[in-house]
N, C-alpha and C. Protein backbone atom coordinates (compact mmCIF):
# COMPACT_ATOMS: atom_id res chain seq x y z
N UNK A 1 14.24 -3.04 4.78
CA UNK A 1 13.61 -4.00 3.84
C UNK A 1 14.47 -5.21 3.82
N UNK A 2 13.96 -6.48 4.14
CA UNK A 2 14.76 -7.60 4.02
C UNK A 2 15.00 -7.88 2.58
N UNK A 3 16.20 -7.91 2.07
CA UNK A 3 16.51 -8.17 0.66
C UNK A 3 15.98 -9.54 0.09
N UNK A 4 15.79 -10.37 0.92
CA UNK A 4 15.49 -11.79 0.43
C UNK A 4 13.94 -11.99 0.54
N UNK A 5 13.17 -11.10 1.00
CA UNK A 5 11.80 -11.12 1.07
C UNK A 5 11.00 -10.61 -0.08
N UNK A 6 9.99 -11.35 -0.42
CA UNK A 6 9.24 -10.93 -1.67
C UNK A 6 8.06 -10.06 -1.07
N UNK A 7 7.98 -8.75 -1.49
CA UNK A 7 6.84 -7.74 -1.05
C UNK A 7 5.96 -7.70 -2.31
N UNK A 8 4.68 -7.65 -2.06
CA UNK A 8 3.67 -7.24 -3.12
C UNK A 8 2.83 -6.13 -2.60
N UNK A 9 2.95 -4.95 -3.22
CA UNK A 9 2.10 -3.74 -2.91
C UNK A 9 0.84 -3.69 -3.67
N UNK A 10 -0.21 -3.73 -3.12
CA UNK A 10 -1.51 -3.90 -3.81
C UNK A 10 -2.45 -2.75 -3.59
N UNK A 11 -3.11 -2.27 -4.44
CA UNK A 11 -4.29 -1.31 -4.30
C UNK A 11 -5.40 -1.63 -5.12
N UNK A 12 -6.72 -1.65 -4.48
CA UNK A 12 -7.90 -1.89 -5.19
C UNK A 12 -8.83 -0.62 -5.25
N UNK A 13 -9.60 -0.44 -6.20
CA UNK A 13 -10.58 0.47 -6.22
C UNK A 13 -11.88 -0.31 -6.20
N UNK A 14 -12.87 0.24 -5.58
CA UNK A 14 -14.14 -0.47 -5.14
C UNK A 14 -15.39 0.30 -5.84
N UNK A 15 -16.50 -0.48 -6.06
CA UNK A 15 -17.71 0.12 -6.26
C UNK A 15 -18.22 0.91 -5.10
N UNK A 16 -18.99 1.97 -5.40
CA UNK A 16 -19.56 2.95 -4.36
C UNK A 16 -21.00 3.07 -4.55
N UNK A 17 -21.87 3.24 -3.43
CA UNK A 17 -23.28 3.54 -3.70
C UNK A 17 -23.44 5.01 -3.92
N UNK A 18 -24.60 5.32 -4.42
CA UNK A 18 -25.00 6.79 -4.41
C UNK A 18 -25.08 7.37 -3.05
N UNK A 19 -25.07 8.62 -3.03
CA UNK A 19 -25.10 9.42 -1.75
C UNK A 19 -26.45 9.13 -0.79
N UNK A 20 -27.53 8.78 -1.71
CA UNK A 20 -28.77 8.69 -0.88
C UNK A 20 -28.85 7.41 -0.11
N UNK A 21 -27.91 6.64 0.05
CA UNK A 21 -27.96 5.42 0.81
C UNK A 21 -27.61 4.15 -0.03
N UNK A 22 -27.34 3.10 0.74
CA UNK A 22 -26.92 1.86 0.05
C UNK A 22 -28.11 1.08 -0.59
N UNK A 23 -27.96 0.62 -1.73
CA UNK A 23 -29.02 -0.24 -2.32
C UNK A 23 -29.05 -1.56 -1.33
N UNK A 24 -30.24 -2.20 -1.21
CA UNK A 24 -30.46 -3.38 -0.39
C UNK A 24 -29.34 -4.33 -0.69
N UNK A 25 -28.81 -4.68 0.35
CA UNK A 25 -27.70 -5.78 0.31
C UNK A 25 -26.37 -5.23 -0.29
N UNK A 26 -26.19 -4.02 -0.52
CA UNK A 26 -24.86 -3.58 -1.25
C UNK A 26 -23.71 -3.83 -0.44
N UNK A 27 -22.73 -4.24 -1.04
CA UNK A 27 -21.33 -4.26 -0.56
C UNK A 27 -20.37 -3.88 -1.56
N UNK A 28 -19.10 -3.33 -1.17
CA UNK A 28 -18.16 -2.90 -2.15
C UNK A 28 -17.60 -4.14 -2.97
N UNK A 29 -17.40 -3.95 -4.23
CA UNK A 29 -16.71 -5.08 -5.03
C UNK A 29 -15.52 -4.33 -5.72
N UNK A 30 -14.57 -5.11 -5.77
CA UNK A 30 -13.27 -4.78 -6.52
C UNK A 30 -13.59 -4.31 -8.05
N UNK A 31 -13.22 -3.33 -8.49
CA UNK A 31 -13.28 -2.97 -9.87
C UNK A 31 -11.95 -2.52 -10.65
N UNK A 32 -10.96 -2.47 -9.78
CA UNK A 32 -9.73 -2.13 -10.32
C UNK A 32 -8.64 -2.64 -9.57
N UNK A 33 -7.49 -3.20 -10.09
CA UNK A 33 -6.42 -3.83 -9.30
C UNK A 33 -5.06 -3.14 -9.70
N UNK A 34 -4.28 -2.76 -8.85
CA UNK A 34 -2.95 -2.33 -9.13
C UNK A 34 -1.97 -3.15 -8.32
N UNK A 35 -0.91 -3.69 -8.89
CA UNK A 35 0.02 -4.58 -8.09
C UNK A 35 1.36 -4.26 -8.57
N UNK A 36 2.40 -4.24 -7.51
CA UNK A 36 3.69 -4.02 -7.84
C UNK A 36 4.46 -5.06 -6.85
N UNK A 37 5.14 -5.95 -7.63
CA UNK A 37 5.89 -7.06 -6.92
C UNK A 37 7.48 -6.71 -6.64
N UNK A 38 7.95 -6.85 -5.63
CA UNK A 38 9.20 -6.37 -5.40
C UNK A 38 10.31 -7.41 -4.77
N UNK A 39 11.35 -7.71 -5.19
CA UNK A 39 12.33 -8.46 -4.55
C UNK A 39 13.70 -7.90 -4.72
N UNK A 40 14.38 -7.94 -3.67
CA UNK A 40 15.84 -7.29 -3.58
C UNK A 40 15.72 -5.82 -3.80
N UNK A 41 14.60 -5.26 -3.47
CA UNK A 41 14.41 -3.74 -3.56
C UNK A 41 14.16 -3.33 -5.17
N UNK A 42 14.03 -4.41 -5.92
CA UNK A 42 13.79 -4.07 -7.34
C UNK A 42 12.34 -4.63 -7.80
N UNK A 43 11.80 -3.72 -8.47
CA UNK A 43 10.48 -4.29 -9.17
C UNK A 43 10.57 -5.38 -10.00
N UNK A 44 9.95 -6.36 -9.79
CA UNK A 44 9.98 -7.63 -10.56
C UNK A 44 8.74 -7.71 -11.50
N UNK A 45 7.63 -7.17 -11.12
CA UNK A 45 6.48 -7.29 -11.97
C UNK A 45 5.47 -6.15 -11.46
N UNK A 46 4.58 -5.81 -12.55
CA UNK A 46 3.54 -4.85 -12.38
C UNK A 46 2.29 -5.52 -13.02
N UNK A 47 1.14 -5.28 -12.49
CA UNK A 47 -0.11 -5.68 -12.90
C UNK A 47 -1.23 -4.77 -12.70
N UNK A 48 -2.02 -4.53 -13.69
CA UNK A 48 -2.97 -3.48 -13.57
C UNK A 48 -4.20 -4.00 -14.51
N UNK A 49 -5.45 -3.87 -13.95
CA UNK A 49 -6.58 -4.34 -14.71
C UNK A 49 -7.85 -3.88 -14.03
N UNK A 50 -8.87 -3.61 -14.84
CA UNK A 50 -10.19 -3.30 -14.45
C UNK A 50 -10.86 -4.75 -14.03
N UNK A 51 -11.83 -4.85 -13.23
CA UNK A 51 -12.50 -6.07 -12.83
C UNK A 51 -13.91 -5.81 -12.90
N UNK A 52 -14.63 -6.87 -13.43
CA UNK A 52 -15.92 -6.73 -13.64
C UNK A 52 -16.68 -7.00 -12.19
N UNK A 53 -17.59 -6.04 -11.74
CA UNK A 53 -18.34 -6.43 -10.53
C UNK A 53 -19.60 -7.31 -10.97
N UNK A 54 -19.99 -8.23 -10.19
CA UNK A 54 -21.05 -9.17 -10.46
C UNK A 54 -22.36 -8.87 -9.69
N UNK A 55 -22.31 -8.59 -8.37
CA UNK A 55 -23.53 -8.49 -7.60
C UNK A 55 -24.23 -7.15 -7.94
N UNK A 56 -23.38 -6.10 -8.20
CA UNK A 56 -23.98 -4.79 -8.61
C UNK A 56 -23.14 -4.21 -9.81
N UNK A 57 -23.56 -4.78 -10.98
CA UNK A 57 -22.63 -4.52 -12.14
C UNK A 57 -22.61 -3.19 -12.67
N UNK A 58 -23.76 -2.42 -12.41
CA UNK A 58 -23.77 -1.18 -12.95
C UNK A 58 -23.24 -0.03 -11.96
N UNK A 59 -22.26 0.58 -12.51
CA UNK A 59 -21.62 1.56 -11.62
C UNK A 59 -22.44 2.83 -11.32
N UNK A 60 -22.37 3.34 -10.11
CA UNK A 60 -23.15 4.59 -9.92
C UNK A 60 -22.50 5.66 -10.39
N UNK A 61 -23.25 6.78 -10.59
CA UNK A 61 -22.65 8.16 -11.02
C UNK A 61 -21.60 8.58 -10.08
N UNK A 62 -21.85 8.36 -8.84
CA UNK A 62 -20.82 8.83 -7.70
C UNK A 62 -19.49 8.01 -7.90
N UNK A 63 -19.73 6.66 -8.23
CA UNK A 63 -18.41 5.91 -8.31
C UNK A 63 -17.71 6.37 -9.67
N UNK A 64 -18.35 6.60 -10.69
CA UNK A 64 -17.74 7.01 -12.03
C UNK A 64 -17.10 8.41 -11.87
N UNK A 65 -17.67 9.30 -11.15
CA UNK A 65 -17.15 10.63 -11.09
C UNK A 65 -15.97 10.69 -10.01
N UNK A 66 -16.00 9.85 -9.08
CA UNK A 66 -15.01 9.84 -8.02
C UNK A 66 -13.81 9.23 -8.48
N UNK A 67 -13.93 8.03 -9.10
CA UNK A 67 -12.86 7.19 -9.60
C UNK A 67 -12.39 7.43 -10.89
N UNK A 68 -13.20 8.12 -11.74
CA UNK A 68 -12.93 8.40 -13.12
C UNK A 68 -12.86 6.93 -13.82
N UNK A 69 -13.66 6.18 -13.53
CA UNK A 69 -13.84 4.73 -14.15
C UNK A 69 -15.09 4.68 -14.84
N UNK A 70 -15.21 4.42 -16.06
CA UNK A 70 -16.46 4.33 -16.84
C UNK A 70 -16.94 2.82 -17.00
N UNK A 71 -18.33 2.75 -17.35
CA UNK A 71 -18.85 1.47 -17.29
C UNK A 71 -18.18 0.50 -18.22
N UNK A 72 -17.79 1.03 -19.36
CA UNK A 72 -17.04 0.31 -20.46
C UNK A 72 -15.80 -0.28 -19.94
N UNK A 73 -15.11 0.44 -18.96
CA UNK A 73 -13.90 -0.13 -18.43
C UNK A 73 -14.18 -1.43 -17.73
N UNK A 74 -15.03 -1.46 -16.74
CA UNK A 74 -15.33 -2.58 -15.93
C UNK A 74 -15.89 -3.71 -16.91
N UNK A 75 -16.76 -3.28 -17.80
CA UNK A 75 -17.51 -4.34 -18.71
C UNK A 75 -16.34 -5.12 -19.42
N UNK A 76 -15.33 -4.39 -19.86
CA UNK A 76 -14.21 -5.09 -20.48
C UNK A 76 -13.15 -5.68 -19.71
N UNK A 77 -13.21 -5.57 -18.38
CA UNK A 77 -12.35 -6.08 -17.39
C UNK A 77 -12.24 -7.57 -17.21
N UNK A 78 -11.31 -8.06 -16.41
CA UNK A 78 -11.23 -9.53 -15.99
C UNK A 78 -12.26 -9.78 -15.13
N UNK A 79 -12.60 -11.12 -14.95
CA UNK A 79 -13.59 -11.58 -13.98
C UNK A 79 -12.80 -11.54 -12.53
N UNK A 80 -13.74 -11.57 -11.46
CA UNK A 80 -13.19 -11.64 -10.27
C UNK A 80 -12.25 -13.04 -10.12
N UNK A 81 -12.70 -13.98 -10.49
CA UNK A 81 -12.00 -15.39 -10.52
C UNK A 81 -10.72 -15.18 -11.23
N UNK A 82 -10.52 -14.47 -12.37
CA UNK A 82 -9.28 -14.29 -12.92
C UNK A 82 -8.34 -13.42 -12.09
N UNK A 83 -9.03 -12.51 -11.31
CA UNK A 83 -8.16 -11.72 -10.38
C UNK A 83 -7.60 -12.71 -9.27
N UNK A 84 -8.43 -13.52 -8.79
CA UNK A 84 -7.92 -14.48 -7.75
C UNK A 84 -6.89 -15.35 -8.30
N UNK A 85 -6.95 -15.88 -9.45
CA UNK A 85 -5.84 -16.59 -10.08
C UNK A 85 -4.56 -15.81 -10.19
N UNK A 86 -4.63 -14.46 -10.61
CA UNK A 86 -3.46 -13.63 -10.70
C UNK A 86 -2.88 -13.48 -9.35
N UNK A 87 -3.71 -13.21 -8.22
CA UNK A 87 -3.14 -12.97 -6.97
C UNK A 87 -2.57 -14.29 -6.41
N UNK A 88 -2.93 -15.47 -6.81
CA UNK A 88 -2.48 -16.58 -6.26
C UNK A 88 -0.92 -16.86 -6.60
N UNK A 89 -0.49 -16.21 -7.58
CA UNK A 89 0.98 -16.22 -7.96
C UNK A 89 1.84 -15.69 -6.73
N UNK A 90 1.20 -14.91 -5.90
CA UNK A 90 2.04 -14.22 -4.74
C UNK A 90 1.51 -14.76 -3.40
N UNK A 91 1.02 -15.98 -3.28
CA UNK A 91 0.38 -16.38 -2.12
C UNK A 91 1.22 -16.36 -0.81
N UNK A 92 2.48 -16.46 -1.01
CA UNK A 92 3.43 -16.66 0.07
C UNK A 92 4.25 -15.30 0.41
N UNK A 93 3.84 -14.33 -0.51
CA UNK A 93 4.56 -12.88 -0.33
C UNK A 93 4.01 -12.08 0.81
N UNK A 94 4.70 -11.29 1.31
CA UNK A 94 4.25 -10.23 2.20
C UNK A 94 3.45 -9.27 1.48
N UNK A 95 2.31 -9.05 1.88
CA UNK A 95 1.31 -8.11 1.16
C UNK A 95 1.30 -6.73 1.89
N UNK A 96 1.49 -5.61 1.23
CA UNK A 96 1.62 -4.35 1.88
C UNK A 96 0.48 -3.46 1.13
N UNK A 97 -0.32 -2.97 1.93
CA UNK A 97 -1.39 -2.08 1.41
C UNK A 97 -1.42 -0.81 2.30
N UNK A 98 -2.02 0.27 1.78
CA UNK A 98 -2.21 1.45 2.59
C UNK A 98 -3.67 1.54 3.08
N UNK A 99 -3.72 1.25 4.44
CA UNK A 99 -5.05 0.96 5.03
C UNK A 99 -5.33 -0.47 5.04
N UNK A 100 -6.57 -0.86 5.71
CA UNK A 100 -6.83 -2.17 5.87
C UNK A 100 -8.12 -2.60 4.91
N UNK A 101 -8.71 -1.59 4.22
CA UNK A 101 -9.85 -1.93 3.38
C UNK A 101 -9.60 -2.83 2.21
N UNK A 102 -8.52 -2.74 1.64
CA UNK A 102 -8.21 -3.62 0.55
C UNK A 102 -8.28 -5.00 0.77
N UNK A 103 -7.69 -5.61 1.87
CA UNK A 103 -7.74 -6.82 2.20
C UNK A 103 -9.19 -7.24 2.78
N UNK A 104 -9.71 -6.40 3.49
CA UNK A 104 -11.10 -6.60 4.12
C UNK A 104 -12.10 -6.85 2.98
N UNK A 105 -12.09 -6.07 1.81
CA UNK A 105 -12.96 -6.19 0.73
C UNK A 105 -12.54 -7.36 -0.17
N UNK A 106 -11.32 -7.74 -0.30
CA UNK A 106 -10.96 -8.84 -0.95
C UNK A 106 -11.45 -10.19 -0.36
N UNK A 107 -11.36 -10.16 0.98
CA UNK A 107 -11.84 -11.43 1.70
C UNK A 107 -13.34 -11.57 1.64
N UNK A 108 -14.09 -10.36 1.71
CA UNK A 108 -15.54 -10.38 1.59
C UNK A 108 -15.96 -10.68 0.18
N UNK A 109 -15.21 -10.22 -0.79
CA UNK A 109 -15.64 -10.65 -2.25
C UNK A 109 -15.36 -12.05 -2.35
N UNK A 110 -14.22 -12.56 -1.81
CA UNK A 110 -14.05 -14.17 -2.00
C UNK A 110 -15.14 -14.90 -1.23
N UNK A 111 -15.54 -14.55 -0.13
CA UNK A 111 -16.71 -15.18 0.63
C UNK A 111 -17.97 -15.10 -0.24
N UNK A 112 -18.30 -13.92 -0.77
CA UNK A 112 -19.52 -13.76 -1.38
C UNK A 112 -19.55 -14.70 -2.67
N UNK A 113 -18.37 -14.95 -3.36
CA UNK A 113 -18.42 -15.59 -4.54
C UNK A 113 -17.99 -17.13 -4.35
N UNK A 114 -17.74 -17.50 -2.99
CA UNK A 114 -17.34 -18.91 -2.78
C UNK A 114 -16.11 -19.31 -3.22
N UNK A 115 -15.08 -18.37 -3.20
CA UNK A 115 -13.72 -18.54 -3.65
C UNK A 115 -12.75 -18.58 -2.49
N UNK A 116 -11.64 -19.37 -2.52
CA UNK A 116 -10.75 -19.46 -1.51
C UNK A 116 -9.81 -18.16 -1.64
N UNK A 117 -9.58 -17.58 -0.28
CA UNK A 117 -8.68 -16.47 -0.20
C UNK A 117 -7.25 -16.81 -0.79
N UNK A 118 -6.86 -16.10 -1.73
CA UNK A 118 -5.66 -16.48 -2.50
C UNK A 118 -4.25 -16.23 -1.73
N UNK A 119 -4.24 -15.39 -0.75
CA UNK A 119 -2.95 -14.87 -0.10
C UNK A 119 -2.82 -15.66 1.32
N UNK A 120 -1.54 -16.12 1.44
CA UNK A 120 -1.26 -16.88 2.64
C UNK A 120 -0.16 -15.99 3.55
N UNK A 121 0.43 -15.07 2.96
CA UNK A 121 1.67 -14.43 3.56
C UNK A 121 1.18 -13.28 4.45
N UNK A 122 2.12 -12.76 5.23
CA UNK A 122 1.94 -11.69 6.12
C UNK A 122 1.32 -10.46 5.44
N UNK A 123 0.26 -9.93 6.16
CA UNK A 123 -0.33 -8.66 5.68
C UNK A 123 0.24 -7.37 6.49
N UNK A 124 0.52 -6.38 5.82
CA UNK A 124 1.10 -5.22 6.48
C UNK A 124 0.21 -4.03 6.03
N UNK A 125 -0.32 -3.43 7.10
CA UNK A 125 -1.04 -2.02 6.76
C UNK A 125 -0.06 -0.97 6.91
N UNK A 126 0.47 -0.38 5.89
CA UNK A 126 1.60 0.61 5.95
C UNK A 126 1.13 1.87 6.63
N UNK A 127 -0.15 2.21 6.48
CA UNK A 127 -0.72 3.43 7.11
C UNK A 127 -0.62 3.39 8.61
N UNK A 128 -0.80 2.22 9.16
CA UNK A 128 -0.60 2.09 10.64
C UNK A 128 0.82 2.08 11.04
N UNK A 129 1.75 1.46 10.17
CA UNK A 129 3.16 1.57 10.48
C UNK A 129 3.62 3.01 10.43
N UNK A 130 3.14 3.79 9.53
CA UNK A 130 3.38 5.21 9.37
C UNK A 130 2.94 6.01 10.62
N UNK A 131 1.66 5.64 11.01
CA UNK A 131 1.02 6.36 12.14
C UNK A 131 1.96 6.13 13.38
N UNK A 132 2.33 4.86 13.63
CA UNK A 132 3.13 4.44 14.90
C UNK A 132 4.48 5.15 14.68
N UNK A 133 5.17 5.13 13.63
CA UNK A 133 6.39 5.55 13.46
C UNK A 133 6.51 7.06 13.78
N UNK A 134 5.53 7.85 13.34
CA UNK A 134 5.57 9.26 13.48
C UNK A 134 4.71 9.74 14.66
N UNK A 135 4.14 8.79 15.36
CA UNK A 135 3.44 9.23 16.55
C UNK A 135 2.12 10.00 16.23
N UNK A 136 1.54 9.90 15.01
CA UNK A 136 0.36 10.58 14.71
C UNK A 136 -0.81 10.00 15.42
N UNK A 137 -1.87 10.92 15.71
CA UNK A 137 -3.06 10.51 16.33
C UNK A 137 -4.02 9.84 15.47
N UNK A 138 -4.03 10.42 14.21
CA UNK A 138 -4.92 10.01 13.21
C UNK A 138 -4.14 9.32 12.02
N UNK A 139 -4.86 8.45 11.38
CA UNK A 139 -4.22 7.87 10.08
C UNK A 139 -4.25 9.02 8.93
N UNK A 140 -3.05 8.90 8.20
CA UNK A 140 -2.82 9.82 7.18
C UNK A 140 -3.12 9.25 5.78
N UNK A 141 -3.69 10.06 4.98
CA UNK A 141 -4.03 9.44 3.62
C UNK A 141 -2.71 9.36 2.82
N UNK A 142 -2.76 8.30 1.84
CA UNK A 142 -1.47 7.93 1.17
C UNK A 142 -0.81 9.15 0.56
N UNK A 143 -1.42 9.97 -0.21
CA UNK A 143 -0.77 11.06 -0.81
C UNK A 143 -0.39 12.09 0.01
N UNK A 144 -1.10 12.37 1.10
CA UNK A 144 -0.62 13.33 2.08
C UNK A 144 0.58 12.87 2.77
N UNK A 145 0.69 11.60 3.08
CA UNK A 145 1.93 11.02 3.75
C UNK A 145 3.06 11.30 2.79
N UNK A 146 2.86 11.04 1.42
CA UNK A 146 4.08 11.13 0.53
C UNK A 146 4.42 12.74 0.55
N UNK A 147 3.56 13.55 0.52
CA UNK A 147 3.80 15.01 0.55
C UNK A 147 4.50 15.50 1.74
N UNK A 148 4.07 14.84 2.89
CA UNK A 148 4.79 15.14 4.21
C UNK A 148 6.23 14.95 4.15
N UNK A 149 6.74 13.93 3.17
CA UNK A 149 7.95 13.63 2.89
C UNK A 149 8.77 14.55 1.97
N UNK A 150 7.92 15.62 1.36
CA UNK A 150 8.38 16.52 0.48
C UNK A 150 8.38 15.94 -0.92
N UNK A 151 7.63 14.71 -1.18
CA UNK A 151 7.59 14.08 -2.40
C UNK A 151 6.23 14.29 -3.05
N UNK A 152 5.98 13.72 -4.25
CA UNK A 152 4.76 13.67 -4.87
C UNK A 152 4.43 12.26 -5.17
N UNK A 153 3.06 11.96 -5.23
CA UNK A 153 2.69 10.65 -5.52
C UNK A 153 2.88 10.36 -7.02
N UNK A 154 3.02 9.07 -7.35
CA UNK A 154 3.08 8.61 -8.74
C UNK A 154 1.83 8.66 -9.54
N UNK A 155 1.78 9.27 -10.69
CA UNK A 155 0.60 9.36 -11.51
C UNK A 155 -0.50 9.97 -10.95
N UNK A 156 -1.70 9.26 -10.96
CA UNK A 156 -3.01 9.86 -10.52
C UNK A 156 -3.57 9.15 -9.24
N UNK A 157 -4.07 10.02 -8.30
CA UNK A 157 -4.47 9.36 -7.09
C UNK A 157 -5.82 8.70 -7.49
N UNK A 158 -6.10 7.48 -6.81
CA UNK A 158 -7.31 6.60 -7.14
C UNK A 158 -7.12 5.94 -8.49
N UNK A 159 -5.94 5.78 -9.07
CA UNK A 159 -5.67 4.88 -9.98
C UNK A 159 -4.85 3.72 -9.33
N UNK A 160 -5.42 2.54 -9.42
CA UNK A 160 -5.00 1.48 -8.64
C UNK A 160 -3.45 1.28 -8.58
N UNK A 161 -3.01 1.22 -9.94
CA UNK A 161 -1.52 0.87 -10.06
C UNK A 161 -0.64 2.11 -9.59
N UNK A 162 -1.07 3.33 -9.90
CA UNK A 162 -0.31 4.52 -9.42
C UNK A 162 -0.33 4.53 -7.89
N UNK A 163 -1.41 4.12 -7.21
CA UNK A 163 -1.36 4.07 -5.73
C UNK A 163 -0.54 2.93 -5.19
N UNK A 164 -0.55 1.85 -5.84
CA UNK A 164 0.41 0.83 -5.43
C UNK A 164 1.83 1.16 -5.49
N UNK A 165 2.14 1.87 -6.62
CA UNK A 165 3.53 2.38 -6.67
C UNK A 165 3.87 3.44 -5.68
N UNK A 166 2.90 4.32 -5.45
CA UNK A 166 3.02 5.34 -4.45
C UNK A 166 3.30 4.71 -2.99
N UNK A 167 2.48 3.51 -2.75
CA UNK A 167 2.71 2.87 -1.47
C UNK A 167 4.25 2.23 -1.46
N UNK A 168 4.63 1.69 -2.58
CA UNK A 168 5.90 1.17 -2.60
C UNK A 168 7.03 2.28 -2.31
N UNK A 169 6.78 3.49 -2.87
CA UNK A 169 7.75 4.58 -2.69
C UNK A 169 7.82 4.98 -1.28
N UNK A 170 6.58 5.28 -0.58
CA UNK A 170 6.70 5.65 0.87
C UNK A 170 7.15 4.53 1.70
N UNK A 171 6.95 3.30 1.17
CA UNK A 171 7.54 2.12 2.17
C UNK A 171 8.93 2.30 2.18
N UNK A 172 9.60 2.57 1.06
CA UNK A 172 11.12 2.77 0.92
C UNK A 172 11.61 3.94 1.88
N UNK A 173 10.80 5.09 1.83
CA UNK A 173 11.15 6.21 2.59
C UNK A 173 11.12 5.86 4.12
N UNK A 174 10.05 5.29 4.56
CA UNK A 174 9.94 4.82 5.94
C UNK A 174 10.94 3.87 6.42
N UNK A 175 11.27 2.82 5.57
CA UNK A 175 12.30 1.86 5.86
C UNK A 175 13.70 2.55 6.01
N UNK A 176 13.84 3.54 5.16
CA UNK A 176 15.10 4.25 5.27
C UNK A 176 15.22 4.92 6.58
N UNK A 177 14.14 5.64 6.90
CA UNK A 177 14.15 6.32 8.14
C UNK A 177 14.30 5.50 9.46
N UNK A 178 13.70 4.25 9.34
CA UNK A 178 13.88 3.24 10.40
C UNK A 178 15.37 2.77 10.55
N UNK A 179 15.97 2.60 9.54
CA UNK A 179 17.37 2.20 9.60
C UNK A 179 18.26 3.21 10.04
N UNK A 180 17.98 4.40 9.69
CA UNK A 180 18.72 5.61 10.11
C UNK A 180 18.66 5.82 11.78
N UNK A 181 17.47 5.44 12.28
CA UNK A 181 17.24 5.64 13.72
C UNK A 181 17.84 4.56 14.38
N UNK A 182 17.86 3.37 13.83
CA UNK A 182 18.30 2.10 14.52
C UNK A 182 19.79 1.93 14.53
N UNK A 183 20.46 2.73 13.76
CA UNK A 183 21.94 2.58 13.56
C UNK A 183 22.64 3.86 14.01
N UNK A 184 22.88 4.02 15.37
CA UNK A 184 23.46 5.34 15.70
C UNK A 184 24.93 5.37 15.06
N UNK A 185 25.33 6.60 14.88
CA UNK A 185 26.61 6.99 14.32
C UNK A 185 27.72 6.48 15.28
N UNK A 186 28.83 5.81 14.71
CA UNK A 186 29.86 5.26 15.73
C UNK A 186 30.62 6.45 16.23
N UNK A 187 31.02 6.31 17.53
CA UNK A 187 31.58 7.44 18.23
C UNK A 187 33.03 7.64 17.66
N UNK A 188 33.43 8.87 17.62
CA UNK A 188 34.87 9.20 17.14
C UNK A 188 35.68 9.26 18.35
N UNK A 189 37.05 9.33 18.14
CA UNK A 189 37.96 9.43 19.29
C UNK A 189 37.68 10.82 20.02
N UNK A 190 37.15 11.83 19.20
CA UNK A 190 36.75 13.14 19.88
C UNK A 190 35.60 12.93 20.86
N UNK A 191 34.81 12.08 20.64
CA UNK A 191 33.60 11.81 21.46
C UNK A 191 33.99 11.09 22.73
N UNK A 192 35.04 10.27 22.68
CA UNK A 192 35.60 9.54 23.85
C UNK A 192 36.50 10.06 24.72
N UNK A 193 37.22 11.10 24.24
CA UNK A 193 38.26 11.80 24.92
C UNK A 193 37.90 13.31 25.20
N UNK A 194 38.03 13.77 26.35
CA UNK A 194 37.87 15.15 26.77
C UNK A 194 39.26 15.73 26.40
N UNK A 195 39.41 16.45 25.30
CA UNK A 195 40.73 16.95 25.00
C UNK A 195 41.09 18.27 25.80
N UNK A 196 40.04 18.85 26.30
CA UNK A 196 40.37 19.98 27.10
C UNK A 196 41.11 19.61 28.41
N UNK A 197 40.69 18.36 29.03
CA UNK A 197 41.29 17.96 30.17
C UNK A 197 42.77 17.50 29.89
N UNK A 198 42.81 16.91 28.69
CA UNK A 198 44.20 16.37 28.36
C UNK A 198 45.01 17.46 28.00
N UNK A 199 44.65 18.52 27.49
CA UNK A 199 45.57 19.68 27.32
C UNK A 199 45.98 20.26 28.59
N UNK A 200 45.10 20.40 29.50
CA UNK A 200 45.38 20.96 30.70
C UNK A 200 46.43 20.12 31.56
N UNK A 201 46.27 18.81 31.23
CA UNK A 201 47.30 18.05 32.01
C UNK A 201 48.67 18.21 31.56
N UNK A 202 48.86 18.46 30.20
CA UNK A 202 50.17 18.63 29.66
C UNK A 202 50.65 20.04 29.86
N UNK A 203 49.79 21.01 30.17
CA UNK A 203 50.11 22.35 30.38
C UNK A 203 50.67 22.64 31.79
N UNK A 204 50.42 21.61 32.71
CA UNK A 204 51.00 21.72 34.00
C UNK A 204 52.49 21.50 34.16
């Protein structure tokens, strides 16, 4: 981790259609945001809020059951425009997510509402970094990845802020492993000198 770089770990939860198929014109909308801003490996800010969907404002039963988000939560949430204003504070930061859906849906939602995409910094899909680093054939789920490290996720899965914190925690673990592999241990005098040959020479 570059100590001077500003990282923002983001997780969104989205609306979901019922199992019987997509309503006409359906697209996922952000209904919850979790954000953890980090500088010098220290958390500088946390932000969490529900977000009102506009195109499909009524949550499906499947969505409520899977995410444990109730209609009242999103009805009382911030607007999507307010979310964009909040994200604009981090426009030059490196954005780190688990998977590529978060940024895809954010871009699509901005396009649908005619708003400018608020982030200009580098985007990192940590699930792909994890996949490449460990040589996995398939992408690993966030909480499974944490458990493979012998750790547990923070809070509840599919709670946006908890998932953002869990992404930050696994980022630290992966970066620690990268540093360990990139810095071989310095050789000792015992590695450089064959003492058996040296002793044999003096024994003659």
